[in-house]
């Protein structure tokens, strides 16, 4: 086979794989996943008090542009419900927590019930309705 044709075929395959991975990540962005066997995150772990009904723990990085949008959404949700707290964790400075909760990209948000158990999680930018529904599920301790 001609080496130039082989290189072209490899380039086309690499572009196709990248497009597939990008499509999968885009489809999963913002989708809330319910967690049934959630680990517990305590106030001591994050150095801040948890909410009395639910807590939104956002893993962010300094260079993450979507993190600002998610921060605003979560702040609005926490302001609308006095029992809900929004805590932000710098994933680069708290690699121990990022690894413990399998944070692979930012923003990733963990929804905790009143006891600190993870009830749901999402990556990327969700809608306001998705955040509200996840908080309600977390407050119920689903």
Foldseek 3Di string as FASTA:
>chain_A
DDPVVVVVVVVVVVVVVVVVVVVVVVVQAQDKDFDDQFDFDACVNQVHHFFQQKEKEWEDAPPDPQQVVQVVLQVVVCVVDVRYYYHYDHCVVPVVVCVVVVPPDPGKIFMAGNRRTTGMIGHHDHDSVSVNVSSVCRSVVD
